[in-house]
Amino acid sequence: MAHIIITGSSRGIGLAMAKQAAQQGHRVLA
């Protein structure tokens, strides 16, 4: 499990990346 910071995650590609990382079990700070 990794800690991942994603900026611009309120919509679009950032949101999709945040959702995918969370589904894979990573901790996401968005």
N, C-alpha and C. Protein backbone atom coordinates (compact mmCIF):
# COMPACT_ATOMS: atom_id res chain seq x y z
N MET A 1 0.85 -1.18 0.00
CA MET A 1 0.00 0.00 0.00
C MET A 1 0.89 1.23 0.00
N ALA A 2 0.61 2.12 -0.94
CA ALA A 2 1.37 3.36 -1.05
C ALA A 2 0.50 4.53 -0.64
N HIS A 3 1.16 5.62 -0.25
CA HIS A 3 0.46 6.88 0.00
C HIS A 3 0.58 7.70 -1.28
N ILE A 4 -0.54 8.16 -1.81
CA ILE A 4 -0.55 8.87 -3.09
C ILE A 4 -1.24 10.22 -2.92
N ILE A 5 -0.59 11.27 -3.44
CA ILE A 5 -1.18 12.61 -3.46
C ILE A 5 -1.58 12.92 -4.89
N ILE A 6 -2.85 13.27 -5.08
CA ILE A 6 -3.35 13.61 -6.41
C ILE A 6 -3.96 15.00 -6.36
N THR A 7 -3.46 15.91 -7.18
CA THR A 7 -4.03 17.25 -7.25
C THR A 7 -5.03 17.32 -8.39
N GLY A 8 -5.98 18.23 -8.27
CA GLY A 8 -6.99 18.37 -9.31
C GLY A 8 -7.94 17.20 -9.37
N SER A 9 -8.29 16.66 -8.21
CA SER A 9 -9.08 15.43 -8.20
C SER A 9 -10.57 15.67 -8.03
N SER A 10 -11.02 16.89 -8.22
CA SER A 10 -12.46 17.14 -8.05
C SER A 10 -13.25 16.71 -9.28
N ARG A 11 -12.58 16.53 -10.41
CA ARG A 11 -13.27 16.09 -11.63
C ARG A 11 -12.26 15.58 -12.65
N GLY A 12 -12.79 14.97 -13.68
CA GLY A 12 -11.95 14.54 -14.81
C GLY A 12 -10.95 13.46 -14.48
N ILE A 13 -9.77 13.60 -15.08
CA ILE A 13 -8.73 12.57 -14.95
C ILE A 13 -8.24 12.42 -13.51
N GLY A 14 -8.12 13.54 -12.79
CA GLY A 14 -7.69 13.47 -11.40
C GLY A 14 -8.65 12.66 -10.55
N LEU A 15 -9.94 12.85 -10.76
CA LEU A 15 -10.95 12.09 -10.02
C LEU A 15 -10.86 10.61 -10.36
N ALA A 16 -10.72 10.30 -11.63
CA ALA A 16 -10.62 8.90 -12.05
C ALA A 16 -9.37 8.24 -11.46
N MET A 17 -8.26 8.97 -11.44
CA MET A 17 -7.02 8.42 -10.87
C MET A 17 -7.17 8.18 -9.37
N ALA A 18 -7.81 9.11 -8.67
CA ALA A 18 -8.01 8.96 -7.22
C ALA A 18 -8.89 7.75 -6.93
N LYS A 19 -9.96 7.58 -7.68
CA LYS A 19 -10.85 6.44 -7.47
C LYS A 19 -10.14 5.12 -7.74
N GLN A 20 -9.37 5.08 -8.82
CA GLN A 20 -8.67 3.84 -9.18
C GLN A 20 -7.63 3.48 -8.11
N ALA A 21 -6.88 4.46 -7.65
CA ALA A 21 -5.87 4.19 -6.63
C ALA A 21 -6.52 3.71 -5.34
N ALA A 22 -7.64 4.31 -4.95
CA ALA A 22 -8.34 3.90 -3.73
C ALA A 22 -8.88 2.48 -3.87
N GLN A 23 -9.40 2.13 -5.03
CA GLN A 23 -9.91 0.78 -5.25
C GLN A 23 -8.81 -0.26 -5.19
N GLN A 24 -7.59 0.14 -5.53
CA GLN A 24 -6.46 -0.78 -5.50
C GLN A 24 -5.87 -0.89 -4.09
N GLY A 25 -6.45 -0.17 -3.13
CA GLY A 25 -6.02 -0.29 -1.75
C GLY A 25 -4.99 0.72 -1.29
N HIS A 26 -4.69 1.71 -2.11
CA HIS A 26 -3.72 2.73 -1.73
C HIS A 26 -4.41 3.81 -0.90
N ARG A 27 -3.62 4.50 -0.07
CA ARG A 27 -4.14 5.64 0.67
C ARG A 27 -3.99 6.86 -0.21
N VAL A 28 -5.10 7.56 -0.43
CA VAL A 28 -5.12 8.68 -1.37
C VAL A 28 -5.40 9.97 -0.62
N LEU A 29 -4.55 10.97 -0.83
CA LEU A 29 -4.78 12.32 -0.34
C LEU A 29 -5.10 13.16 -1.56
N ALA A 30 -6.36 13.55 -1.69
CA ALA A 30 -6.79 14.27 -2.89
C ALA A 30 -7.30 15.65 -2.54
